Amino acid sequence: MRAWKEGEDFRRLVRADADIAQCLSDKEIQGVFDLKIHLKYVNDIYKRVFPSGKGKRGQ
């Protein structure tokens, strides 16, 4: 909530947290914030939802 309320950088706060540092390496923390991992299957999801291409704007 501190990042939200005070406008601080959440990633920086996570990296500076001693309790988190005991459990996760800096590389592991970076992985949590890697959008490529979280968006890996987004194109497949869209293909399942709109298999014929319908639903696109302008069609």
N, C-alpha and C. Protein backbone atom coordinates (compact mmCIF):
# COMPACT_ATOMS: atom_id res chain seq x y z
N MET A 1 0.82 -1.20 0.00
CA MET A 1 0.00 0.00 0.00
C MET A 1 0.86 1.27 0.00
N ARG A 2 2.05 1.15 0.52
CA ARG A 2 2.93 2.32 0.58
C ARG A 2 3.23 2.85 -0.82
N ALA A 3 3.49 1.95 -1.74
CA ALA A 3 3.77 2.38 -3.11
C ALA A 3 2.55 3.08 -3.69
N TRP A 4 1.39 2.56 -3.42
CA TRP A 4 0.15 3.12 -3.96
C TRP A 4 -0.13 4.48 -3.32
N LYS A 5 -0.09 4.53 -2.01
CA LYS A 5 -0.46 5.75 -1.29
C LYS A 5 0.55 6.87 -1.45
N GLU A 6 1.84 6.51 -1.45
CA GLU A 6 2.88 7.54 -1.48
C GLU A 6 3.51 7.71 -2.87
N GLY A 7 3.04 6.92 -3.83
CA GLY A 7 3.55 7.05 -5.19
C GLY A 7 4.98 6.56 -5.38
N GLU A 8 5.42 5.66 -4.49
CA GLU A 8 6.78 5.14 -4.59
C GLU A 8 6.84 3.99 -5.58
N ASP A 9 8.04 3.69 -6.06
CA ASP A 9 8.24 2.61 -7.01
C ASP A 9 8.13 1.27 -6.29
N PHE A 10 7.12 0.49 -6.66
CA PHE A 10 6.86 -0.79 -5.99
C PHE A 10 8.03 -1.75 -6.15
N ARG A 11 8.58 -1.83 -7.34
CA ARG A 11 9.70 -2.75 -7.58
C ARG A 11 10.88 -2.40 -6.67
N ARG A 12 11.17 -1.12 -6.53
CA ARG A 12 12.27 -0.71 -5.67
C ARG A 12 12.01 -1.08 -4.22
N LEU A 13 10.77 -0.90 -3.78
CA LEU A 13 10.41 -1.26 -2.41
C LEU A 13 10.54 -2.76 -2.18
N VAL A 14 10.14 -3.55 -3.15
CA VAL A 14 10.25 -5.01 -3.02
C VAL A 14 11.73 -5.41 -2.93
N ARG A 15 12.55 -4.84 -3.79
CA ARG A 15 13.97 -5.18 -3.79
C ARG A 15 14.66 -4.76 -2.50
N ALA A 16 14.17 -3.71 -1.85
CA ALA A 16 14.77 -3.21 -0.62
C ALA A 16 14.26 -3.92 0.63
N ASP A 17 13.22 -4.74 0.50
CA ASP A 17 12.62 -5.41 1.65
C ASP A 17 13.49 -6.59 2.10
N ALA A 18 13.95 -6.55 3.35
CA ALA A 18 14.85 -7.58 3.87
C ALA A 18 14.18 -8.96 3.94
N ASP A 19 12.91 -9.00 4.28
CA ASP A 19 12.20 -10.29 4.36
C ASP A 19 12.09 -10.95 2.98
N ILE A 20 11.82 -10.16 1.99
CA ILE A 20 11.73 -10.69 0.62
C ILE A 20 13.10 -11.13 0.15
N ALA A 21 14.12 -10.36 0.46
CA ALA A 21 15.49 -10.68 0.04
C ALA A 21 15.98 -11.99 0.63
N GLN A 22 15.44 -12.38 1.77
CA GLN A 22 15.80 -13.66 2.37
C GLN A 22 15.24 -14.83 1.57
N CYS A 23 14.15 -14.59 0.86
CA CYS A 23 13.47 -15.67 0.14
C CYS A 23 13.75 -15.68 -1.36
N LEU A 24 13.99 -14.52 -1.93
CA LEU A 24 14.15 -14.41 -3.38
C LEU A 24 15.44 -13.67 -3.74
N SER A 25 16.11 -14.15 -4.76
CA SER A 25 17.28 -13.44 -5.26
C SER A 25 16.82 -12.25 -6.08
N ASP A 26 17.75 -11.36 -6.39
CA ASP A 26 17.41 -10.20 -7.22
C ASP A 26 16.91 -10.66 -8.59
N LYS A 27 17.50 -11.69 -9.12
CA LYS A 27 17.09 -12.23 -10.42
C LYS A 27 15.66 -12.78 -10.36
N GLU A 28 15.31 -13.45 -9.27
CA GLU A 28 13.95 -13.96 -9.11
C GLU A 28 12.94 -12.82 -8.99
N ILE A 29 13.31 -11.78 -8.28
CA ILE A 29 12.42 -10.62 -8.16
C ILE A 29 12.22 -9.98 -9.52
N GLN A 30 13.29 -9.85 -10.31
CA GLN A 30 13.17 -9.29 -11.65
C GLN A 30 12.21 -10.13 -12.49
N GLY A 31 12.27 -11.45 -12.32
CA GLY A 31 11.38 -12.34 -13.06
C GLY A 31 9.92 -12.12 -12.75
N VAL A 32 9.63 -11.80 -11.51
CA VAL A 32 8.24 -11.53 -11.11
C VAL A 32 7.69 -10.32 -11.86
N PHE A 33 8.55 -9.36 -12.15
CA PHE A 33 8.12 -8.14 -12.82
C PHE A 33 8.27 -8.19 -14.34
N ASP A 34 8.66 -9.34 -14.88
CA ASP A 34 8.84 -9.50 -16.31
C ASP A 34 7.49 -9.73 -16.99
N LEU A 35 7.02 -8.75 -17.74
CA LEU A 35 5.71 -8.85 -18.39
C LEU A 35 5.66 -9.94 -19.45
N LYS A 36 6.80 -10.25 -20.06
CA LYS A 36 6.82 -11.30 -21.08
C LYS A 36 6.30 -12.61 -20.52
N ILE A 37 6.64 -12.92 -19.30
CA ILE A 37 6.18 -14.16 -18.66
C ILE A 37 4.67 -14.12 -18.49
N HIS A 38 4.15 -13.02 -18.03
CA HIS A 38 2.73 -12.91 -17.71
C HIS A 38 1.86 -12.78 -18.96
N LEU A 39 2.43 -12.32 -20.04
CA LEU A 39 1.67 -12.13 -21.28
C LEU A 39 2.01 -13.17 -22.34
N LYS A 40 2.71 -14.20 -21.95
CA LYS A 40 3.21 -15.21 -22.88
C LYS A 40 2.12 -15.80 -23.77
N TYR A 41 0.96 -16.06 -23.22
CA TYR A 41 -0.10 -16.74 -23.97
C TYR A 41 -1.24 -15.83 -24.40
N VAL A 42 -1.05 -14.54 -24.35
CA VAL A 42 -2.14 -13.61 -24.65
C VAL A 42 -2.64 -13.79 -26.09
N ASN A 43 -1.76 -14.00 -27.05
CA ASN A 43 -2.20 -14.21 -28.43
C ASN A 43 -3.01 -15.48 -28.58
N ASP A 44 -2.61 -16.55 -27.89
CA ASP A 44 -3.37 -17.80 -27.92
C ASP A 44 -4.77 -17.62 -27.32
N ILE A 45 -4.84 -16.84 -26.26
CA ILE A 45 -6.13 -16.58 -25.62
C ILE A 45 -7.06 -15.84 -26.58
N TYR A 46 -6.52 -14.82 -27.25
CA TYR A 46 -7.35 -14.09 -28.21
C TYR A 46 -7.81 -14.99 -29.35
N LYS A 47 -6.95 -15.87 -29.81
CA LYS A 47 -7.34 -16.79 -30.88
C LYS A 47 -8.46 -17.72 -30.43
N ARG A 48 -8.46 -18.13 -29.18
CA ARG A 48 -9.53 -18.99 -28.66
C ARG A 48 -10.83 -18.21 -28.51
N VAL A 49 -10.73 -16.98 -28.06
CA VAL A 49 -11.92 -16.17 -27.84
C VAL A 49 -12.53 -15.72 -29.16
N PHE A 50 -11.68 -15.37 -30.13
CA PHE A 50 -12.12 -14.89 -31.43
C PHE A 50 -11.54 -15.77 -32.54
N PRO A 51 -11.96 -17.03 -32.63
CA PRO A 51 -11.33 -17.95 -33.58
C PRO A 51 -11.46 -17.56 -35.04
N SER A 52 -12.54 -16.89 -35.42
CA SER A 52 -12.72 -16.54 -36.82
C SER A 52 -12.26 -15.11 -37.13
N GLY A 53 -11.72 -14.44 -36.15
CA GLY A 53 -11.32 -13.06 -36.34
C GLY A 53 -12.44 -12.07 -36.09
N LYS A 54 -13.65 -12.59 -35.82
CA LYS A 54 -14.77 -11.71 -35.51
C LYS A 54 -14.54 -11.07 -34.16
N GLY A 55 -15.12 -9.93 -34.00
CA GLY A 55 -14.98 -9.23 -32.74
C GLY A 55 -13.93 -8.15 -32.81
N LYS A 56 -13.19 -8.10 -33.92
CA LYS A 56 -12.21 -7.03 -34.07
C LYS A 56 -12.95 -5.75 -34.41
N ARG A 57 -12.42 -4.66 -33.97
CA ARG A 57 -13.03 -3.36 -34.27
C ARG A 57 -13.04 -3.13 -35.76
N GLY A 58 -14.13 -2.59 -36.23
CA GLY A 58 -14.23 -2.25 -37.64
C GLY A 58 -14.72 -3.39 -38.52
N GLN A 59 -15.04 -4.53 -37.92
CA GLN A 59 -15.53 -5.66 -38.73
C GLN A 59 -16.95 -6.00 -38.36
